[in-house]
Amino acid sequence: LEHDRRLADAASDHVVAQGRTGEIGHGAPG
């Protein structure tokens, strides 16, 4: 798979959001 910085940034957004709250999962649909 080719690395894409935008996808990594989107993944990072989720890491930051869940990391500080302790939540798990992919979030709400969509």
Full PDB file with SEQRES, HELIX, SHEET, SSBOND, CRYST1, ORIGX, SCALE, CONECT and MASTER records, all heavy atoms in Angstrom:
SEQRES   1 A   30  LEU GLU HIS ASP ARG ARG LEU ALA ASP ALA ALA SER ASP          
SEQRES   2 A   30  HIS VAL VAL ALA GLN GLY ARG THR GLY GLU ILE GLY HIS          
SEQRES   3 A   30  GLY ALA PRO GLY                                              
HELIX    1 AA1 ARG A    5  THR A   21  1                                  17    
CRYST1    1.000    1.000    1.000  90.00  90.00  90.00 P 1           1          
ORIGX1      1.000000  0.000000  0.000000        0.00000                         
ORIGX2      0.000000  1.000000  0.000000        0.00000                         
ORIGX3      0.000000  0.000000  1.000000        0.00000                         
SCALE1      1.000000  0.000000  0.000000        0.00000                         
SCALE2      0.000000  1.000000  0.000000        0.00000                         
SCALE3      0.000000  0.000000  1.000000        0.00000                         
ATOM      1  N   LEU A   1       0.858  -1.181   0.000  1.00  0.00           N  
ATOM      2  CA  LEU A   1       0.000   0.000   0.000  1.00  0.00           C  
ATOM      3  C   LEU A   1       0.897   1.235   0.000  1.00  0.00           C  
ATOM      4  O   LEU A   1       1.913   1.276   0.689  1.00  0.00           O  
ATOM      5  CB  LEU A   1      -0.886   0.013   1.245  1.00  0.00           C  
ATOM      6  CG  LEU A   1      -1.891  -1.126   1.363  1.00  0.00           C  
ATOM      7  CD1 LEU A   1      -2.478  -1.167   2.760  1.00  0.00           C  
ATOM      8  CD2 LEU A   1      -2.984  -0.975   0.324  1.00  0.00           C  
ATOM      9  N   GLU A   2       0.495   2.233  -0.735  1.00  0.00           N  
ATOM     10  CA  GLU A   2       1.230   3.488  -0.762  1.00  0.00           C  
ATOM     11  C   GLU A   2       0.826   4.323   0.460  1.00  0.00           C  
ATOM     12  O   GLU A   2      -0.352   4.370   0.827  1.00  0.00           O  
ATOM     13  CB  GLU A   2       0.872   4.233  -2.051  1.00  0.00           C  
ATOM     14  CG  GLU A   2       1.617   5.519  -2.253  1.00  0.00           C  
ATOM     15  CD  GLU A   2       1.196   6.211  -3.542  1.00  0.00           C  
ATOM     16  OE1 GLU A   2       0.823   5.514  -4.505  1.00  0.00           O  
ATOM     17  OE2 GLU A   2       1.227   7.449  -3.563  1.00  0.00           O  
ATOM     18  N   HIS A   3       1.787   4.954   1.085  1.00  0.00           N  
ATOM     19  CA  HIS A   3       1.499   5.829   2.223  1.00  0.00           C  
ATOM     20  C   HIS A   3       0.872   7.121   1.718  1.00  0.00           C  
ATOM     21  O   HIS A   3       1.326   7.702   0.738  1.00  0.00           O  
ATOM     22  CB  HIS A   3       2.788   6.143   2.983  1.00  0.00           C  
ATOM     23  CG  HIS A   3       2.574   7.131   4.089  1.00  0.00           C  
ATOM     24  ND1 HIS A   3       2.821   8.475   3.938  1.00  0.00           N  
ATOM     25  CD2 HIS A   3       2.117   6.966   5.348  1.00  0.00           C  
ATOM     26  CE1 HIS A   3       2.538   9.093   5.062  1.00  0.00           C  
ATOM     27  NE2 HIS A   3       2.106   8.205   5.935  1.00  0.00           N  
ATOM     28  N   ASP A   4      -0.180   7.566   2.395  1.00  0.00           N  
ATOM     29  CA  ASP A   4      -0.810   8.838   2.071  1.00  0.00           C  
ATOM     30  C   ASP A   4      -0.881   9.689   3.329  1.00  0.00           C  
ATOM     31  O   ASP A   4      -1.473   9.267   4.334  1.00  0.00           O  
ATOM     32  CB  ASP A   4      -2.212   8.615   1.498  1.00  0.00           C  
ATOM     33  CG  ASP A   4      -2.840   9.910   1.014  1.00  0.00           C  
ATOM     34  OD1 ASP A   4      -2.636  10.259  -0.162  1.00  0.00           O  
ATOM     35  OD2 ASP A   4      -3.506  10.590   1.832  1.00  0.00           O  
ATOM     36  N   ARG A   5      -0.259  10.846   3.269  1.00  0.00           N  
ATOM     37  CA  ARG A   5      -0.180  11.742   4.431  1.00  0.00           C  
ATOM     38  C   ARG A   5      -1.561  12.178   4.900  1.00  0.00           C  
ATOM     39  O   ARG A   5      -1.815  12.302   6.100  1.00  0.00           O  
ATOM     40  CB  ARG A   5       0.662  12.968   4.048  1.00  0.00           C  
ATOM     41  CG  ARG A   5       0.835  13.985   5.163  1.00  0.00           C  
ATOM     42  CD  ARG A   5       1.882  13.532   6.156  1.00  0.00           C  
ATOM     43  NE  ARG A   5       1.224  13.199   7.413  1.00  0.00           N  
ATOM     44  CZ  ARG A   5       1.683  12.359   8.323  1.00  0.00           C  
ATOM     45  NH1 ARG A   5       2.809  11.722   8.141  1.00  0.00           N  
ATOM     46  NH2 ARG A   5       1.044  12.127   9.436  1.00  0.00           N  
ATOM     47  N   ARG A   6      -2.484  12.403   3.963  1.00  0.00           N  
ATOM     48  CA  ARG A   6      -3.834  12.834   4.351  1.00  0.00           C  
ATOM     49  C   ARG A   6      -4.557  11.744   5.138  1.00  0.00           C  
ATOM     50  O   ARG A   6      -5.254  12.038   6.115  1.00  0.00           O  
ATOM     51  CB  ARG A   6      -4.636  13.226   3.119  1.00  0.00           C  
ATOM     52  CG  ARG A   6      -4.034  14.433   2.382  1.00  0.00           C  
ATOM     53  CD  ARG A   6      -4.665  14.655   1.043  1.00  0.00           C  
ATOM     54  NE  ARG A   6      -4.473  13.471   0.209  1.00  0.00           N  
ATOM     55  CZ  ARG A   6      -5.070  13.271  -0.946  1.00  0.00           C  
ATOM     56  NH1 ARG A   6      -5.905  14.154  -1.431  1.00  0.00           N  
ATOM     57  NH2 ARG A   6      -4.830  12.176  -1.649  1.00  0.00           N  
ATOM     58  N   LEU A   7      -4.378  10.502   4.733  1.00  0.00           N  
ATOM     59  CA  LEU A   7      -4.981   9.399   5.487  1.00  0.00           C  
ATOM     60  C   LEU A   7      -4.336   9.281   6.868  1.00  0.00           C  
ATOM     61  O   LEU A   7      -5.024   9.031   7.861  1.00  0.00           O  
ATOM     62  CB  LEU A   7      -4.852   8.089   4.719  1.00  0.00           C  
ATOM     63  CG  LEU A   7      -5.673   7.975   3.441  1.00  0.00           C  
ATOM     64  CD1 LEU A   7      -5.329   6.685   2.707  1.00  0.00           C  
ATOM     65  CD2 LEU A   7      -7.155   8.034   3.731  1.00  0.00           C  
ATOM     66  N   ALA A   8      -3.026   9.461   6.917  1.00  0.00           N  
ATOM     67  CA  ALA A   8      -2.336   9.424   8.213  1.00  0.00           C  
ATOM     68  C   ALA A   8      -2.828  10.548   9.114  1.00  0.00           C  
ATOM     69  O   ALA A   8      -3.009  10.350  10.322  1.00  0.00           O  
ATOM     70  CB  ALA A   8      -0.823   9.506   8.011  1.00  0.00           C  
ATOM     71  N   ASP A   9      -3.067  11.722   8.542  1.00  0.00           N  
ATOM     72  CA  ASP A   9      -3.581  12.843   9.340  1.00  0.00           C  
ATOM     73  C   ASP A   9      -4.993  12.559   9.846  1.00  0.00           C  
ATOM     74  O   ASP A   9      -5.327  12.888  10.996  1.00  0.00           O  
ATOM     75  CB  ASP A   9      -3.562  14.133   8.524  1.00  0.00           C  
ATOM     76  CG  ASP A   9      -2.157  14.668   8.280  1.00  0.00           C  
ATOM     77  OD1 ASP A   9      -1.208  14.239   8.987  1.00  0.00           O  
ATOM     78  OD2 ASP A   9      -2.010  15.517   7.381  1.00  0.00           O  
ATOM     79  N   ALA A  10      -5.831  11.937   9.011  1.00  0.00           N  
ATOM     80  CA  ALA A  10      -7.184  11.567   9.446  1.00  0.00           C  
ATOM     81  C   ALA A  10      -7.109  10.527  10.568  1.00  0.00           C  
ATOM     82  O   ALA A  10      -7.859  10.597  11.552  1.00  0.00           O  
ATOM     83  CB  ALA A  10      -7.999  11.036   8.270  1.00  0.00           C  
ATOM     84  N   ALA A  11      -6.196   9.565  10.429  1.00  0.00           N  
ATOM     85  CA  ALA A  11      -6.001   8.565  11.485  1.00  0.00           C  
ATOM     86  C   ALA A  11      -5.524   9.243  12.769  1.00  0.00           C  
ATOM     87  O   ALA A  11      -5.981   8.920  13.872  1.00  0.00           O  
ATOM     88  CB  ALA A  11      -5.000   7.508  11.025  1.00  0.00           C  
ATOM     89  N   SER A  12      -4.626  10.205  12.617  1.00  0.00           N  
ATOM     90  CA  SER A  12      -4.112  10.940  13.783  1.00  0.00           C  
ATOM     91  C   SER A  12      -5.225  11.707  14.490  1.00  0.00           C  
ATOM     92  O   SER A  12      -5.248  11.775  15.725  1.00  0.00           O  
ATOM     93  CB  SER A  12      -2.999  11.893  13.342  1.00  0.00           C  
ATOM     94  OG  SER A  12      -2.494  12.592  14.446  1.00  0.00           O  
ATOM     95  N   ASP A  13      -6.131  12.283  13.723  1.00  0.00           N  
ATOM     96  CA  ASP A  13      -7.266  12.988  14.340  1.00  0.00           C  
ATOM     97  C   ASP A  13      -8.036  12.052  15.263  1.00  0.00           C  
ATOM     98  O   ASP A  13      -8.445  12.440  16.367  1.00  0.00           O  
ATOM     99  CB  ASP A  13      -8.216  13.523  13.261  1.00  0.00           C  
ATOM    100  CG  ASP A  13      -7.619  14.638  12.424  1.00  0.00           C  
ATOM    101  OD1 ASP A  13      -6.605  15.249  12.841  1.00  0.00           O  
ATOM    102  OD2 ASP A  13      -8.165  14.897  11.327  1.00  0.00           O  
ATOM    103  N   HIS A  14      -8.230  10.810  14.826  1.00  0.00           N  
ATOM    104  CA  HIS A  14      -8.968   9.841  15.633  1.00  0.00           C  
ATOM    105  C   HIS A  14      -8.151   9.398  16.848  1.00  0.00           C  
ATOM    106  O   HIS A  14      -8.694   9.237  17.939  1.00  0.00           O  
ATOM    107  CB  HIS A  14      -9.371   8.648  14.769  1.00  0.00           C  
ATOM    108  CG  HIS A  14     -10.538   7.891  15.294  1.00  0.00           C  
ATOM    109  ND1 HIS A  14     -11.727   8.474  15.663  1.00  0.00           N  
ATOM    110  CD2 HIS A  14     -10.711   6.559  15.522  1.00  0.00           C  
ATOM    111  CE1 HIS A  14     -12.569   7.561  16.091  1.00  0.00           C  
ATOM    112  NE2 HIS A  14     -11.966   6.381  16.018  1.00  0.00           N  
ATOM    113  N   VAL A  15      -6.849   9.218  16.657  1.00  0.00           N  
ATOM    114  CA  VAL A  15      -5.969   8.859  17.771  1.00  0.00           C  
ATOM    115  C   VAL A  15      -6.032   9.926  18.858  1.00  0.00           C  
ATOM    116  O   VAL A  15      -6.198   9.621  20.041  1.00  0.00           O  
ATOM    117  CB  VAL A  15      -4.510   8.661  17.281  1.00  0.00           C  
ATOM    118  CG1 VAL A  15      -3.534   8.624  18.453  1.00  0.00           C  
ATOM    119  CG2 VAL A  15      -4.389   7.390  16.451  1.00  0.00           C  
ATOM    120  N   VAL A  16      -5.910  11.177  18.478  1.00  0.00           N  
ATOM    121  CA  VAL A  16      -5.926  12.280  19.440  1.00  0.00           C  
ATOM    122  C   VAL A  16      -7.270  12.350  20.156  1.00  0.00           C  
ATOM    123  O   VAL A  16      -7.328  12.461  21.385  1.00  0.00           O  
ATOM    124  CB  VAL A  16      -5.596  13.619  18.742  1.00  0.00           C  
ATOM    125  CG1 VAL A  16      -5.856  14.799  19.662  1.00  0.00           C  
ATOM    126  CG2 VAL A  16      -4.152  13.625  18.262  1.00  0.00           C  
ATOM    127  N   ALA A  17      -8.361  12.264  19.395  1.00  0.00           N  
ATOM    128  CA  ALA A  17      -9.698  12.364  19.991  1.00  0.00           C  
ATOM    129  C   ALA A  17      -9.963  11.238  20.982  1.00  0.00           C  
ATOM    130  O   ALA A  17     -10.436  11.483  22.096  1.00  0.00           O  
ATOM    131  CB  ALA A  17     -10.761  12.369  18.890  1.00  0.00           C  
ATOM    132  N   GLN A  18      -9.657  10.004  20.593  1.00  0.00           N  
ATOM    133  CA  GLN A  18      -9.925   8.886  21.489  1.00  0.00           C  
ATOM    134  C   GLN A  18      -8.890   8.747  22.586  1.00  0.00           C  
ATOM    135  O   GLN A  18      -9.215   8.323  23.685  1.00  0.00           O  
ATOM    136  CB  GLN A  18     -10.003   7.578  20.698  1.00  0.00           C  
ATOM    137  CG  GLN A  18     -11.283   7.444  19.930  1.00  0.00           C  
ATOM    138  CD  GLN A  18     -11.552   6.016  19.523  1.00  0.00           C  
ATOM    139  OE1 GLN A  18     -10.661   5.168  19.493  1.00  0.00           O  
ATOM    140  NE2 GLN A  18     -12.792   5.735  19.197  1.00  0.00           N  
ATOM    141  N   GLY A  19      -7.671   9.078  22.271  1.00  0.00           N  
ATOM    142  CA  GLY A  19      -6.599   8.908  23.247  1.00  0.00           C  
ATOM    143  C   GLY A  19      -6.833   9.679  24.521  1.00  0.00           C  
ATOM    144  O   GLY A  19      -6.613   9.175  25.618  1.00  0.00           O  
ATOM    145  N   ARG A  20      -7.312  10.882  24.392  1.00  0.00           N  
ATOM    146  CA  ARG A  20      -7.500  11.715  25.590  1.00  0.00           C  
ATOM    147  C   ARG A  20      -8.790  11.406  26.335  1.00  0.00           C  
ATOM    148  O   ARG A  20      -8.902  11.670  27.517  1.00  0.00           O  
ATOM    149  CB  ARG A  20      -7.395  13.180  25.235  1.00  0.00           C  
ATOM    150  CG  ARG A  20      -8.477  13.701  24.358  1.00  0.00           C  
ATOM    151  CD  ARG A  20      -8.362  15.225  24.168  1.00  0.00           C  
ATOM    152  NE  ARG A  20      -9.223  15.624  23.078  1.00  0.00           N  
ATOM    153  CZ  ARG A  20      -8.807  16.193  21.973  1.00  0.00           C  
ATOM    154  NH1 ARG A  20      -7.542  16.476  21.811  1.00  0.00           N  
ATOM    155  NH2 ARG A  20      -9.660  16.500  21.031  1.00  0.00           N  
ATOM    156  N   THR A  21      -9.806  10.829  25.633  1.00  0.00           N  
ATOM    157  CA  THR A  21     -11.084  10.544  26.283  1.00  0.00           C  
ATOM    158  C   THR A  21     -11.203   9.106  26.767  1.00  0.00           C  
ATOM    159  O   THR A  21     -12.047   8.809  27.604  1.00  0.00           O  
ATOM    160  CB  THR A  21     -12.262  10.816  25.320  1.00  0.00           C  
ATOM    161  OG1 THR A  21     -12.182   9.888  24.229  1.00  0.00           O  
ATOM    162  CG2 THR A  21     -12.252  12.252  24.827  1.00  0.00           C  
ATOM    163  N   GLY A  22     -10.393   8.209  26.185  1.00  0.00           N  
ATOM    164  CA  GLY A  22     -10.499   6.800  26.531  1.00  0.00           C  
ATOM    165  C   GLY A  22     -11.569   6.062  25.750  1.00  0.00           C  
ATOM    166  O   GLY A  22     -11.826   4.889  26.006  1.00  0.00           O  
ATOM    167  N   GLU A  23     -12.202   6.748  24.803  1.00  0.00           N  
ATOM    168  CA  GLU A  23     -13.225   6.090  23.993  1.00  0.00           C  
ATOM    169  C   GLU A  23     -12.597   5.005  23.126  1.00  0.00           C  
ATOM    170  O   GLU A  23     -11.384   4.980  22.913  1.00  0.00           O  
ATOM    171  CB  GLU A  23     -13.906   7.109  23.080  1.00  0.00           C  
ATOM    172  CG  GLU A  23     -14.740   8.122  23.828  1.00  0.00           C  
ATOM    173  CD  GLU A  23     -15.351   9.147  22.887  1.00  0.00           C  
ATOM    174  OE1 GLU A  23     -15.905   8.742  21.842  1.00  0.00           O  
ATOM    175  OE2 GLU A  23     -15.254  10.338  23.208  1.00  0.00           O  
ATOM    176  N   ILE A  24     -13.458   4.124  22.620  1.00  0.00           N  
ATOM    177  CA  ILE A  24     -13.028   3.089  21.677  1.00  0.00           C  
ATOM    178  C   ILE A  24     -14.014   3.057  20.522  1.00  0.00           C  
ATOM    179  O   ILE A  24     -15.128   3.580  20.629  1.00  0.00           O  
ATOM    180  CB  ILE A  24     -12.921   1.697  22.337  1.00  0.00           C  
ATOM    181  CG1 ILE A  24     -14.269   1.246  22.899  1.00  0.00           C  
ATOM    182  CG2 ILE A  24     -11.851   1.699  23.424  1.00  0.00           C  
ATOM    183  CD1 ILE A  24     -14.294  -0.197  23.354  1.00  0.00           C  
ATOM    184  N   GLY A  25     -13.604   2.459  19.424  1.00  0.00           N  
ATOM    185  CA  GLY A  25     -14.483   2.290  18.275  1.00  0.00           C  
ATOM    186  C   GLY A  25     -14.211   3.304  17.178  1.00  0.00           C  
ATOM    187  O   GLY A  25     -13.322   4.139  17.270  1.00  0.00           O  
ATOM    188  N   HIS A  26     -15.027   3.207  16.138  1.00  0.00           N  
ATOM    189  CA  HIS A  26     -14.832   4.021  14.940  1.00  0.00           C  
ATOM    190  C   HIS A  26     -15.631   5.313  14.966  1.00  0.00           C  
ATOM    191  O   HIS A  26     -15.514   6.122  14.060  1.00  0.00           O  
ATOM    192  CB  HIS A  26     -15.193   3.196  13.702  1.00  0.00           C  
ATOM    193  CG  HIS A  26     -14.364   1.966  13.578  1.00  0.00           C  
ATOM    194  ND1 HIS A  26     -13.078   1.977  13.095  1.00  0.00           N  
ATOM    195  CD2 HIS A  26     -14.629   0.675  13.908  1.00  0.00           C  
ATOM    196  CE1 HIS A  26     -12.585   0.756  13.122  1.00  0.00           C  
ATOM    197  NE2 HIS A  26     -13.497  -0.054  13.613  1.00  0.00           N  
ATOM    198  N   GLY A  27     -16.445   5.514  15.986  1.00  0.00           N  
ATOM    199  CA  GLY A  27     -17.276   6.710  16.067  1.00  0.00           C  
ATOM    200  C   GLY A  27     -18.648   6.452  15.465  1.00  0.00           C  
ATOM    201  O   GLY A  27     -18.982   5.350  15.054  1.00  0.00           O  
ATOM    202  N   ALA A  28     -19.429   7.512  15.399  1.00  0.00           N  
ATOM    203  CA  ALA A  28     -20.789   7.421  14.853  1.00  0.00           C  
ATOM    204  C   ALA A  28     -20.728   7.057  13.370  1.00  0.00           C  
ATOM    205  O   ALA A  28     -19.711   7.299  12.714  1.00  0.00           O  
ATOM    206  CB  ALA A  28     -21.501   8.758  15.045  1.00  0.00           C  
ATOM    207  N   PRO A  29     -21.794   6.475  12.845  1.00  0.00           N  
ATOM    208  CA  PRO A  29     -21.810   6.174  11.414  1.00  0.00           C  
ATOM    209  C   PRO A  29     -21.438   7.416  10.593  1.00  0.00           C  
ATOM    210  O   PRO A  29     -21.910   8.511  10.867  1.00  0.00           O  
ATOM    211  CB  PRO A  29     -23.261   5.747  11.154  1.00  0.00           C  
ATOM    212  CG  PRO A  29     -23.721   5.204  12.475  1.00  0.00           C  
ATOM    213  CD  PRO A  29     -23.035   6.064  13.512  1.00  0.00           C  
ATOM    214  N   GLY A  30     -20.577   7.211   9.637  1.00  0.00           N  
ATOM    215  CA  GLY A  30     -20.130   8.314   8.793  1.00  0.00           C  
ATOM    216  C   GLY A  30     -18.926   9.071   9.323  1.00  0.00           C  
ATOM    217  O   GLY A  30     -18.406   9.960   8.647  1.00  0.00           O  
TER     218      GLY A  30                                                      
MASTER        0    0    0    1    0    0    0    6  217    1    0    3          
END                                                                             
